[in-house]
Every structure is written in C-alpha cells, then in structure tokens.
C-alpha cells in the first residue's frame, strides 16, 4: 500500500536550476550550474567580483537568455516564460534603481504603476512598506537627499510593491554602514518569516552565516551549495587556530607552506589557520614558527567560519 502524506503535495522549488550556462563569445560567465531553492528559504550566493553571481541572477529574472541548460522560477521556464517571472519576483540591484528627482512617495507610486498594482491595493501597500522600512516622516523627502541606508530601505520597498513571492537581492548591503547592514538583514528575516523566498548575493561572510543555505561561485562554477554547518563539516576537517604573531604577514606566509596546514590567512590582527595534520600541536607549531624568527604571543582554538571555507575553495 503506498505511503500517505496526508494528501499534502510538497510545493515545487521556488528556483530549480539545471546545468545553467551563459557564454559571451568565448567567455563562459556561468558554467553548468545546478541547484534548487525551496519556498521561504534565505539563500546566500557568494563569490568574488566576476565569478558569475549577477549573471546567474539576471538569467533567473528573465533578463538574460541562457546559452545552455535550464531554469524554472516559481514554476515558470526562464527561457519560455520570462514575462510571467518578472511579474512574480522582486529584484533589487546593487545600484539601487531609484529616481533621485522623485520623492520617497513618488518612487513607490512609480513602481506600483510599473507593476500594475490596483490603486486601492497600492495605497494600502504604501502604508505597509513605509512602516516596514521605517520611512515614516520621510515620504516627501527627495530620494537624492537620503543617506545610503535609507536609500537601501526605499529600494527594497520599491522591489516589494507588488508583493512578490521571490526576492532577488544583488549585493544589497554593499556600501552601507554596519548598522544599516544589520537593520537591513532584520527586514530580510522578517520577510522570510512571512513566506517570501530570498536569494541574495553578498561579499560579507557574517551575512552568509545566517542564511539557510549558501552557494560559492568562482570563475563561473558553483563550487559548493549547502547549509553553513554542512559546508564547514564537509570542507574543514581540522582544528581552527588563531595566532597572535610577530611579524604577522611572515607568519601567514610560513604557515601556508607547512605540511598538514590546510590554509592560513589574515583575520584582523591575527593569523587564522586550519590544521589538518595529526602531528601538529599548538606547542609544536609555536616552535616551528620560532625557527623562522616568528614570535607567537598567543594561540587559541576558535570556531571555523564560512570565510575559512571560502578561502579553502578559492585555491
């Protein structure tokens, strides 16, 4: 007798990507990428500039035609049904597509018209978005007069005027201060809690730590895609040690050459290293560095981070 799931069919993936590829002449910007995003997930997409993150998003938004492979967004084929996708998603680019000669109110009204939001719905949505973004008292301010953090909040509001089920955010916190970044992510989690699926590219590893799953892009290839914990378990098999050493740069260089050291990098005013060789102890590592005239004044075991994973995958 077939098993029952109480009559509930699980919803299809919000995003389903299979061998997606984009070439510009002889240059391959996105190279046979495959992944899925489930409804309500917050997924972080990481990688250096030029790794293919924005090109991936533009294909998923129906703005670029793939060279090969396939993708479905909210059940629609990106090649065959791009216009249907555009009506169902929100997209916020790193440039914040605002009209500086319009006020906060006028920007939101413009985007409501662009998405053909009915006038009575638009009025109610305006009140909701102004409250969500904390823009009360600023509705008649020109967009050009807003600081980076407030512009960011307005741009998010403009991307949400039509209540999209899926929101694409392309480096939305680039160039804003740490407080604005933190407040912006509070808004993202609030939206996810209401059922919106969020796909966000970012350079900030601390932001990626809080995503449900994370993808790492490099040179057009998707190197890994998993939960933050899953990525650490899979790729970081050793202990993470933080060293206070002098001279610091030389310490990182020497650590990078030692057998049994998976990686070494600068972490603020410390050197952080992943130790995989069973023969290393903290005392023996200090002694080895001393042979190179490097003094270690402190060494501590620390929790590995996604930055450790990214550094390892990038080499």
Protein backbone atom coordinates (compact mmCIF):
# COMPACT_ATOMS: atom_id res chain seq x y z
CA UNK A 1 0.00 0.00 0.00
CA UNK A 2 1.51 3.37 -0.94
CA UNK A 3 2.54 5.65 1.91
CA UNK A 4 0.34 8.62 2.67
CA UNK A 5 1.47 12.22 3.11
CA UNK A 6 -1.98 13.27 4.45
CA UNK A 7 -2.94 14.41 0.98
CA UNK A 8 -0.45 17.29 1.00
CA UNK A 9 1.81 17.56 -2.03
CA UNK A 10 5.05 19.40 -1.18
CA UNK A 11 5.35 22.70 -3.04
CA UNK A 12 7.72 22.76 -6.02
CA UNK A 13 11.08 24.51 -5.60
CA UNK A 14 10.97 28.28 -5.85
CA UNK A 15 14.06 28.05 -8.06
CA UNK A 16 15.20 24.97 -9.97
CA UNK A 17 18.43 25.28 -11.96
CA UNK A 18 19.93 22.51 -14.11
CA UNK A 19 23.28 22.86 -15.89
CA UNK A 20 22.62 26.57 -16.44
CA UNK A 21 25.27 28.16 -18.66
CA UNK A 22 25.88 31.62 -20.09
CA UNK A 23 28.57 32.45 -22.62
CA UNK A 24 29.56 35.84 -24.00
CA UNK A 25 31.53 35.00 -27.12
CA UNK A 26 34.34 32.70 -25.99
CA UNK A 27 33.98 33.72 -22.32
CA UNK A 28 31.90 31.45 -20.07
CA UNK A 29 30.38 33.60 -17.31
CA UNK A 30 28.24 30.83 -15.79
CA UNK A 31 29.38 27.26 -16.29
CA UNK A 32 26.86 24.38 -15.92
CA UNK A 33 25.41 25.48 -12.59
CA UNK A 34 22.75 23.37 -10.82
CA UNK A 35 20.87 23.98 -7.55
CA UNK A 36 17.42 24.31 -6.01
CA UNK A 37 15.91 26.85 -3.62
CA UNK A 38 12.89 25.91 -1.54
CA UNK A 39 9.96 28.26 -0.82
CA UNK A 40 10.63 30.53 2.16
CA UNK A 41 14.39 29.94 2.20
CA UNK A 42 17.01 32.65 2.58
CA UNK A 43 19.86 31.60 0.28
CA UNK A 44 23.18 33.43 0.12
CA UNK A 45 25.19 33.39 -3.12
CA UNK A 46 28.85 34.26 -2.62
CA UNK A 47 31.85 34.80 -4.83
CA UNK A 48 34.41 37.42 -5.87
CA UNK A 49 33.62 40.04 -8.50
CA UNK A 50 33.36 38.44 -11.93
CA UNK A 51 32.51 34.99 -10.56
CA UNK A 52 29.09 34.87 -12.27
CA UNK A 53 26.72 35.78 -9.43
CA UNK A 54 24.97 38.71 -11.12
CA UNK A 55 24.81 36.89 -14.47
CA UNK A 56 23.07 33.99 -12.71
CA UNK A 57 20.53 36.35 -11.15
CA UNK A 58 19.88 38.12 -14.46
CA UNK A 59 19.11 34.78 -16.13
CA UNK A 60 16.78 33.77 -13.30
CA UNK A 61 14.97 37.10 -13.58
CA UNK A 62 14.38 36.54 -17.29
CA UNK A 63 16.69 39.42 -18.24
CA UNK A 64 19.35 37.26 -19.96
CA UNK A 65 18.82 34.27 -22.21
CA UNK A 66 20.84 31.19 -21.12
CA UNK A 67 23.30 29.71 -23.59
CA UNK A 68 22.57 26.19 -22.32
CA UNK A 69 20.85 24.35 -19.50
CA UNK A 70 17.50 25.21 -17.95
CA UNK A 71 15.95 27.02 -15.02
CA UNK A 72 12.46 27.35 -13.60
CA UNK A 73 11.48 30.20 -11.29
CA UNK A 74 8.20 29.85 -9.37
CA UNK A 75 7.31 27.12 -11.85
CA UNK A 76 7.97 29.23 -14.96
CA UNK A 77 10.64 28.49 -17.54
CA UNK A 78 13.16 31.36 -17.74
CA UNK A 79 13.52 30.93 -21.50
CA UNK A 80 9.89 30.40 -22.49
CA UNK A 81 8.05 32.49 -19.86
CA UNK A 82 10.30 35.39 -18.78
CA UNK A 83 7.45 37.93 -18.64
CA UNK A 84 5.46 35.78 -16.22
CA UNK A 85 8.54 35.53 -13.99
CA UNK A 86 9.06 39.31 -13.96
CA UNK A 87 5.54 39.86 -12.61
CA UNK A 88 6.08 37.39 -9.74
CA UNK A 89 9.51 38.43 -8.46
CA UNK A 90 11.17 41.43 -6.90
CA UNK A 91 14.67 42.48 -7.95
CA UNK A 92 16.94 44.89 -6.12
CA UNK A 93 20.24 45.60 -7.84
CA UNK A 94 23.42 46.81 -6.17
CA UNK A 95 22.91 50.20 -7.87
CA UNK A 96 19.55 50.87 -6.09
CA UNK A 97 17.33 51.71 -9.10
CA UNK A 98 15.73 54.83 -7.63
CA UNK A 99 14.72 58.10 -9.29
CA UNK A 100 16.62 60.86 -7.49
CA UNK A 101 14.30 63.61 -8.73
CA UNK A 102 11.29 61.87 -7.16
CA UNK A 103 10.30 61.76 -3.50
CA UNK A 104 10.03 58.57 -1.44
CA UNK A 105 6.27 58.56 -2.06
CA UNK A 106 6.66 59.18 -5.81
CA UNK A 107 9.24 56.38 -6.20
CA UNK A 108 6.89 53.90 -4.56
CA UNK A 109 3.97 55.16 -6.65
CA UNK A 110 6.02 54.85 -9.84
CA UNK A 111 6.90 51.22 -9.14
CA UNK A 112 3.29 50.45 -8.18
CA UNK A 113 2.26 51.70 -11.62
CA UNK A 114 5.07 49.79 -13.30
CA UNK A 115 3.76 46.54 -11.80
CA UNK A 116 0.10 47.49 -12.46
CA UNK A 117 -0.84 47.31 -8.79
CA UNK A 118 -4.52 48.35 -8.44
CA UNK A 119 -4.84 51.84 -6.95
CA UNK A 120 -6.67 50.79 -3.77
CA UNK A 121 -4.17 47.97 -3.16
CA UNK A 122 -1.28 50.35 -3.86
CA UNK A 123 -2.50 52.79 -1.19
CA UNK A 124 -2.64 50.05 1.44
CA UNK A 125 0.69 48.63 0.30
CA UNK A 126 2.29 52.08 0.53
CA UNK A 127 1.37 52.35 4.21
CA UNK A 128 2.69 48.83 4.90
CA UNK A 129 6.00 49.43 3.11
CA UNK A 130 6.63 52.82 4.71
CA UNK A 131 6.12 51.21 8.12
CA UNK A 132 8.25 48.16 7.28
CA UNK A 133 11.13 50.31 6.03
CA UNK A 134 10.85 52.82 8.88
CA UNK A 135 10.37 55.67 6.41
CA UNK A 136 7.59 57.42 8.32
CA UNK A 137 8.24 61.15 8.23
CA UNK A 138 10.37 60.85 5.10
CA UNK A 139 7.68 60.24 2.47
CA UNK A 140 8.08 63.71 0.91
CA UNK A 141 11.88 63.69 1.00
CA UNK A 142 13.67 63.54 -2.36
CA UNK A 143 15.43 60.23 -2.94
CA UNK A 144 18.63 62.14 -3.74
CA UNK A 145 18.63 63.51 -0.16
CA UNK A 146 18.55 60.08 1.52
CA UNK A 147 21.65 58.50 3.05
CA UNK A 148 22.87 55.13 1.81
CA UNK A 149 20.97 53.16 4.43
CA UNK A 150 17.67 54.94 3.79
CA UNK A 151 18.10 54.65 0.01
CA UNK A 152 18.61 50.94 0.53
CA UNK A 153 15.37 50.66 2.51
CA UNK A 154 13.46 52.62 -0.16
CA UNK A 155 14.89 50.41 -2.91
CA UNK A 156 13.72 47.34 -1.00
CA UNK A 157 10.26 48.88 -0.67
CA UNK A 158 10.15 49.52 -4.42
CA UNK A 159 11.05 45.87 -5.06
CA UNK A 160 8.18 44.77 -2.82
CA UNK A 161 5.30 46.97 -4.03
CA UNK A 162 3.64 44.09 -5.88
CA UNK A 163 4.06 41.57 -3.01
CA UNK A 164 6.44 39.21 -4.86
CA UNK A 165 6.81 35.62 -3.71
CA UNK A 166 10.52 35.64 -4.53
CA UNK A 167 13.01 38.44 -3.96
CA UNK A 168 16.39 38.70 -5.69
CA UNK A 169 18.87 40.98 -3.90
CA UNK A 170 22.14 41.64 -5.70
CA UNK A 171 24.72 42.81 -3.11
CA UNK A 172 22.09 44.93 -1.36
CA UNK A 173 24.33 45.93 1.57
CA UNK A 174 27.37 46.98 -0.45
CA UNK A 175 28.49 50.47 0.54
CA UNK A 176 26.26 50.96 3.57
CA UNK A 177 27.43 51.22 7.17
CA UNK A 178 27.41 48.22 9.57
CA UNK A 179 24.34 49.42 11.49
CA UNK A 180 22.35 49.81 8.25
CA UNK A 181 23.52 46.35 7.16
CA UNK A 182 22.28 44.77 10.37
CA UNK A 183 18.94 46.58 10.21
CA UNK A 184 18.51 45.59 6.56
CA UNK A 185 19.02 41.93 7.42
CA UNK A 186 16.40 42.23 10.14
CA UNK A 187 13.99 43.25 7.36
CA UNK A 188 15.08 40.29 5.22
CA UNK A 189 14.38 37.80 8.04
CA UNK A 190 11.03 39.46 8.67
CA UNK A 191 10.09 38.96 5.01
CA UNK A 192 11.28 35.34 5.07
CA UNK A 193 9.18 34.76 8.19
CA UNK A 194 6.17 35.89 6.16
CA UNK A 195 6.94 33.29 3.48
CA UNK A 196 8.96 35.29 0.95
CA UNK A 197 11.84 33.39 -0.65
CA UNK A 198 15.07 35.42 -0.62
CA UNK A 199 18.03 34.89 -2.96
CA UNK A 200 20.83 37.29 -2.05
CA UNK A 201 24.37 37.82 -3.30
CA UNK A 202 26.83 39.23 -0.79
CA UNK A 203 30.53 39.74 -0.13
CA UNK A 204 30.03 39.64 3.63
CA UNK A 205 30.72 36.28 5.28
CA UNK A 206 28.95 37.28 8.51
CA UNK A 207 25.74 37.76 6.48
CA UNK A 208 26.16 34.40 4.78
CA UNK A 209 26.48 32.67 8.17
CA UNK A 210 22.82 33.50 8.82
CA UNK A 211 21.46 32.14 5.53
CA UNK A 212 19.66 28.80 5.44
CA UNK A 213 21.97 27.67 2.64
CA UNK A 214 24.95 29.17 0.87
CA UNK A 215 26.42 28.79 -2.62
CA UNK A 216 30.04 29.60 -3.50
CA UNK A 217 30.78 30.78 -7.05
CA UNK A 218 34.23 31.06 -8.59
CA UNK A 219 35.14 31.60 -12.25
CA UNK A 220 31.60 30.78 -13.33
CA UNK A 221 31.40 27.48 -11.45
CA UNK A 222 29.29 26.68 -8.40
CA UNK A 223 31.87 25.08 -6.11
CA UNK A 224 29.58 24.27 -3.19
CA UNK A 225 25.96 24.66 -2.09
CA UNK A 226 24.86 23.65 1.40
CA UNK A 227 23.96 24.90 4.86
CA UNK A 228 26.71 26.88 6.63
CA UNK A 229 27.19 23.98 9.04
CA UNK A 230 27.18 21.43 6.23
CA UNK A 231 29.88 23.35 4.35
CA UNK A 232 32.11 23.50 7.42
CA UNK A 233 31.67 19.80 8.14
CA UNK A 234 32.41 18.87 4.53
CA UNK A 235 35.43 21.08 3.86
CA UNK A 236 37.01 21.91 7.22
CA UNK A 237 38.28 18.66 8.70
CA UNK A 238 40.86 20.10 11.07
CA UNK A 239 41.11 22.42 14.03
CA UNK A 240 40.93 26.19 13.56
CA UNK A 241 43.61 28.10 15.46
CA UNK A 242 44.03 31.86 15.83
CA UNK A 243 47.56 33.12 16.42
CA UNK A 244 48.85 36.45 17.69
CA UNK A 245 52.24 36.54 16.00
CA UNK A 246 55.05 38.93 15.09
CA UNK A 247 55.74 39.62 12.26
CA UNK A 248 52.20 38.76 11.24
CA UNK A 249 52.46 38.63 7.44
CA UNK A 250 55.53 36.40 7.62
CA UNK A 251 53.64 34.10 9.99
CA UNK A 252 50.84 33.66 7.46
CA UNK A 253 53.35 33.01 4.66
CA UNK A 254 55.24 30.36 6.66
CA UNK A 255 52.06 28.67 7.87
CA UNK A 256 50.88 28.42 4.26
CA UNK A 257 53.95 26.34 3.35
CA UNK A 258 53.78 23.82 6.20
CA UNK A 259 52.52 20.26 5.59
CA UNK A 260 49.34 19.47 7.49
CA UNK A 261 48.17 23.10 7.33
CA UNK A 262 45.14 23.31 5.02
CA UNK A 263 45.18 27.10 4.89
CA UNK A 264 46.39 30.24 6.61
CA UNK A 265 45.01 33.75 6.28
CA UNK A 266 44.87 37.10 7.97
CA UNK A 267 41.94 37.63 10.32
CA UNK A 268 42.14 41.18 11.62
CA UNK A 269 45.34 41.44 13.66
CA UNK A 270 45.67 37.66 13.97
CA UNK A 271 46.65 34.76 11.73
CA UNK A 272 43.97 32.09 11.36
CA UNK A 273 44.88 28.60 10.23
CA UNK A 274 43.15 25.28 9.63
CA UNK A 275 45.33 22.43 10.95
CA UNK A 276 44.69 19.00 9.42
CA UNK A 277 47.97 17.19 10.17
CA UNK A 278 47.74 14.93 13.24
CA UNK A 279 51.33 15.68 14.27
CA UNK A 280 50.75 19.35 14.99
CA UNK A 281 50.11 20.60 18.49
CA UNK A 282 49.90 24.24 19.43
CA UNK A 283 53.30 23.95 21.14
CA UNK A 284 54.97 22.30 18.13
CA UNK A 285 53.52 24.93 15.79
CA UNK A 286 54.88 27.72 18.00
CA UNK A 287 58.27 26.02 17.97
CA UNK A 288 58.22 25.67 14.19
CA UNK A 289 57.44 29.35 13.73
CA UNK A 290 60.23 30.27 16.15
CA UNK A 291 62.70 28.61 13.74
CA UNK A 292 61.66 31.29 11.25
CA UNK A 293 62.18 34.07 13.82
CA UNK A 294 58.42 34.48 14.31
CA UNK A 295 57.22 35.07 17.86
CA UNK A 296 53.78 33.77 18.91
CA UNK A 297 52.39 35.53 21.97
CA UNK A 298 49.00 33.81 21.98
CA UNK A 299 47.30 30.87 20.27
CA UNK A 300 43.66 29.89 20.70
CA UNK A 301 41.28 27.30 19.30
CA UNK A 302 38.42 29.09 17.51
CA UNK A 303 35.28 28.14 15.64
CA UNK A 304 35.86 27.81 11.88
CA UNK A 305 33.90 30.26 9.71
CA UNK A 306 32.48 30.37 6.21
CA UNK A 307 35.40 32.60 5.31
CA UNK A 308 37.66 29.62 6.08
CA UNK A 309 35.56 27.50 3.69
CA UNK A 310 35.62 30.18 1.02
CA UNK A 311 39.39 30.67 1.31
CA UNK A 312 39.92 26.92 1.02
CA UNK A 313 37.64 26.60 -2.04
CA UNK A 314 39.18 29.62 -3.74
CA UNK A 315 42.61 28.00 -4.00
